[in-house]
Amino acid sequence: MNEILNSIKAETAATFIGPHITRYHFGGKEDHPDCMQIKKDLRETIVTLYRETAIYQYLSGVSLGIDIWAAETVLDLKKEYPALELYCVVPYSGQADKWSSKNQARYAHILHQSTGVIQISADTYIPGCSRALNVFLVEHAHILIAAFGRECRSKSGSIHRINIARENGNRIIFIN
C-alpha cells in the first residue's frame, strides 16, 4: 500500500462525490436521461481537467453511483489518454458483498483494471470506516468533483465530504 500511496500526488489528483445510486430521483436507472447527462458531464470534466490542469490521477471510493460511473469513465478514457490513472480506495474489502451479482462483477472489473487499490479498514464494515474513507479521499486529491444536485441531504456523507474538502482548501467542481 505504501508504494501506491507514494504514487498519488494530491496536486495532480481528483476524487468524486455524490449520493448513493438509490437516492437519485431517477432511482438508479442508468438509462435515464439525467443519469446519462451526469456521465457525460463526468467525461467532459475529466477530459478538461487533464487537458487544462494536468490532473491525471483519479481516486474513487467505488460505491454504487457516481464513484462507479466515474471509475468506468476514467478506465474508458485511458484508451484515448493512457496517462490517466485510477486508484480505487475502498472502505473495507467486503464493500460489494451484498450487491447484485451484476454490480459485483462490475466492481471486480474496475478493481482489476485500476492502477491500484487501497483498503482503508478491515475486511468487514466497522463504524467509522466511511468517515475515514471521506477524509482519505479529500486529503489525497486537490479537486473534488461533486454530482448530486437536489439529491443531497444536509446530513449525508456527501455533504460531510464536501465540508471536509472546504476545510482542507480543495477545489470543488459541481456538475449537473
Protein backbone atom coordinates (compact mmCIF):
# COMPACT_ATOMS: atom_id res chain seq x y z
CA MET A 1 0.00 0.00 0.00
CA ASN A 2 2.85 2.44 0.74
CA GLU A 3 4.08 2.12 -2.84
CA ILE A 4 0.63 3.06 -4.13
CA LEU A 5 0.34 5.94 -1.65
CA ASN A 6 3.71 7.27 -2.77
CA SER A 7 2.44 7.29 -6.37
CA ILE A 8 -0.52 9.55 -5.60
CA LYS A 9 0.21 13.27 -5.66
CA ALA A 10 -2.65 15.41 -4.34
CA GLU A 11 -1.78 18.28 -6.69
CA THR A 12 -2.43 16.06 -9.73
CA ALA A 13 -5.37 14.10 -8.28
CA ALA A 14 -9.15 14.43 -8.19
CA THR A 15 -11.88 12.46 -6.47
CA PHE A 16 -15.66 12.22 -6.75
CA ILE A 17 -18.71 12.57 -4.53
CA GLY A 18 -22.41 12.08 -4.96
CA PRO A 19 -25.31 10.34 -3.25
CA HIS A 20 -25.86 6.60 -3.23
CA ILE A 21 -27.35 5.43 -6.51
CA THR A 22 -30.79 4.87 -4.95
CA ARG A 23 -31.03 8.47 -3.76
CA TYR A 24 -31.07 9.94 -7.26
CA HIS A 25 -34.53 10.98 -8.42
CA PHE A 26 -34.18 8.54 -11.34
CA GLY A 27 -33.90 5.65 -8.90
CA GLY A 28 -30.57 4.37 -10.13
CA LYS A 29 -31.82 3.75 -13.67
CA GLU A 30 -28.68 4.33 -15.67
CA ASP A 31 -30.55 4.67 -18.97
CA HIS A 32 -32.47 7.67 -17.59
CA PRO A 33 -31.57 10.92 -19.43
CA ASP A 34 -30.46 12.62 -16.20
CA CYS A 35 -28.08 9.77 -15.37
CA MET A 36 -26.72 9.82 -18.90
CA GLN A 37 -26.16 13.58 -18.52
CA ILE A 38 -24.21 13.04 -15.29
CA LYS A 39 -21.98 10.53 -17.09
CA LYS A 40 -21.49 12.94 -19.99
CA ASP A 41 -20.61 15.77 -17.59
CA LEU A 42 -18.17 13.49 -15.76
CA ARG A 43 -16.43 12.61 -19.00
CA GLU A 44 -16.18 16.25 -20.10
CA THR A 45 -14.89 17.33 -16.68
CA ILE A 46 -12.20 14.63 -16.57
CA VAL A 47 -11.01 15.45 -20.10
CA THR A 48 -10.97 19.19 -19.39
CA LEU A 49 -9.05 18.72 -16.13
CA TYR A 50 -6.47 16.55 -17.88
CA ARG A 51 -6.01 18.88 -20.86
CA GLU A 52 -6.05 22.17 -18.94
CA THR A 53 -4.62 21.40 -15.50
CA ALA A 54 -2.69 18.12 -15.90
CA ILE A 55 -4.92 16.32 -13.39
CA TYR A 56 -4.33 12.70 -14.33
CA GLN A 57 -4.86 10.72 -11.13
CA TYR A 58 -8.39 9.87 -10.05
CA LEU A 59 -9.43 8.36 -6.73
CA SER A 60 -12.74 6.53 -6.50
CA GLY A 61 -14.47 5.02 -3.49
CA VAL A 62 -16.11 2.61 -5.97
CA SER A 63 -19.54 2.78 -4.34
CA LEU A 64 -22.71 2.47 -6.40
CA GLY A 65 -23.47 5.73 -8.16
CA ILE A 66 -21.02 8.48 -9.03
CA ASP A 67 -17.96 6.50 -7.86
CA ILE A 68 -18.69 3.56 -10.17
CA TRP A 69 -19.65 5.83 -13.08
CA ALA A 70 -16.51 7.92 -12.61
CA ALA A 71 -14.26 4.86 -12.35
CA GLU A 72 -15.71 3.39 -15.54
CA THR A 73 -15.32 6.75 -17.27
CA VAL A 74 -11.64 7.04 -16.31
CA LEU A 75 -10.98 3.47 -17.47
CA ASP A 76 -12.72 4.18 -20.78
CA LEU A 77 -10.79 7.44 -21.26
CA LYS A 78 -7.48 5.63 -20.69
CA LYS A 79 -7.84 4.35 -24.27
CA GLU A 80 -7.52 7.93 -25.51
CA TYR A 81 -5.43 9.31 -22.63
CA PRO A 82 -3.13 6.47 -21.46
CA ALA A 83 -1.52 8.65 -18.78
CA LEU A 84 -4.74 8.65 -16.74
CA GLU A 85 -4.58 6.66 -13.52
CA LEU A 86 -7.45 5.25 -11.47
CA TYR A 87 -6.95 4.40 -7.80
CA CYS A 88 -9.76 2.53 -6.09
CA VAL A 89 -9.97 3.45 -2.42
CA VAL A 90 -12.31 1.05 -0.67
CA PRO A 91 -13.52 1.38 2.93
CA TYR A 92 -13.27 -2.40 3.52
CA SER A 93 -12.78 -5.46 1.31
CA GLY A 94 -16.38 -6.66 1.60
CA GLN A 95 -17.88 -3.44 0.27
CA ALA A 96 -19.64 -5.18 -2.65
CA ASP A 97 -20.61 -8.41 -0.87
CA LYS A 98 -24.32 -7.56 -0.64
CA TRP A 99 -24.60 -6.10 -4.15
CA SER A 100 -26.25 -7.86 -7.08
CA SER A 101 -24.03 -10.29 -8.99
CA LYS A 102 -24.02 -7.85 -11.93
CA ASN A 103 -22.73 -5.00 -9.77
CA GLN A 104 -20.22 -7.29 -8.03
CA ALA A 105 -18.80 -8.23 -11.44
CA ARG A 106 -18.68 -4.56 -12.42
CA TYR A 107 -16.88 -3.73 -9.16
CA ALA A 108 -14.37 -6.57 -9.59
CA HIS A 109 -13.63 -5.48 -13.16
CA ILE A 110 -12.97 -1.89 -12.04
CA LEU A 111 -10.64 -3.01 -9.24
CA HIS A 112 -8.79 -5.34 -11.61
CA GLN A 113 -8.33 -2.64 -14.29
CA SER A 114 -7.33 0.11 -11.86
CA THR A 115 -3.82 1.41 -11.31
CA GLY A 116 -4.03 0.40 -7.66
CA VAL A 117 -6.36 -0.49 -4.82
CA ILE A 118 -6.15 0.95 -1.31
CA GLN A 119 -8.19 -0.58 1.51
CA ILE A 120 -8.89 1.85 4.35
CA SER A 121 -10.18 -0.52 7.01
CA ALA A 122 -10.70 -4.19 7.87
CA ASP A 123 -12.28 -6.91 5.77
CA THR A 124 -15.76 -6.16 7.10
CA TYR A 125 -17.58 -2.95 7.86
CA ILE A 126 -16.58 -1.24 11.08
CA PRO A 127 -18.02 2.01 12.44
CA GLY A 128 -16.08 4.99 11.17
CA CYS A 129 -14.69 3.39 8.01
CA SER A 130 -16.85 5.57 5.74
CA ARG A 131 -15.69 8.70 7.53
CA ALA A 132 -12.08 7.52 7.24
CA LEU A 133 -12.65 6.99 3.51
CA ASN A 134 -14.02 10.53 3.12
CA VAL A 135 -11.02 12.03 4.91
CA PHE A 136 -8.54 9.94 2.91
CA LEU A 137 -10.06 10.90 -0.44
CA VAL A 138 -10.11 14.61 0.36
CA GLU A 139 -6.58 14.64 1.78
CA HIS A 140 -5.14 12.84 -1.25
CA ALA A 141 -6.87 14.81 -4.02
CA HIS A 142 -6.69 18.52 -4.80
CA ILE A 143 -10.02 18.52 -6.66
CA LEU A 144 -13.42 17.16 -5.63
CA ILE A 145 -15.92 16.58 -8.45
CA ALA A 146 -19.42 16.70 -6.93
CA ALA A 147 -22.55 15.48 -8.70
CA PHE A 148 -25.65 15.47 -6.57
CA GLY A 149 -27.90 18.47 -7.18
CA ARG A 150 -31.17 18.20 -5.33
CA GLU A 151 -30.46 14.66 -4.11
CA CYS A 152 -28.05 15.63 -1.36
CA ARG A 153 -29.36 15.83 2.19
CA SER A 154 -27.79 18.13 4.77
CA LYS A 155 -26.57 15.24 6.97
CA SER A 156 -25.40 12.93 4.19
CA GLY A 157 -21.92 11.55 3.66
CA SER A 158 -21.73 13.67 0.51
CA ILE A 159 -22.14 16.90 2.47
CA HIS A 160 -19.66 15.59 5.04
CA ARG A 161 -17.02 15.06 2.33
CA ILE A 162 -17.72 18.48 0.78
CA ASN A 163 -17.31 20.14 4.18
CA ILE A 164 -14.02 18.31 4.75
CA ALA A 165 -12.88 19.46 1.29
CA ARG A 166 -13.80 23.07 2.06
CA GLU A 167 -11.89 22.94 5.36
CA ASN A 168 -8.93 21.38 3.55
CA GLY A 169 -8.90 24.10 0.85
CA ASN A 170 -9.71 21.71 -2.00
CA ARG A 171 -11.15 22.98 -5.25
CA ILE A 172 -14.72 21.73 -5.66
CA ILE A 173 -16.31 21.35 -9.09
CA PHE A 174 -20.08 20.88 -9.13
CA ILE A 175 -21.53 19.12 -12.15
CA ASN A 176 -25.14 18.50 -13.20
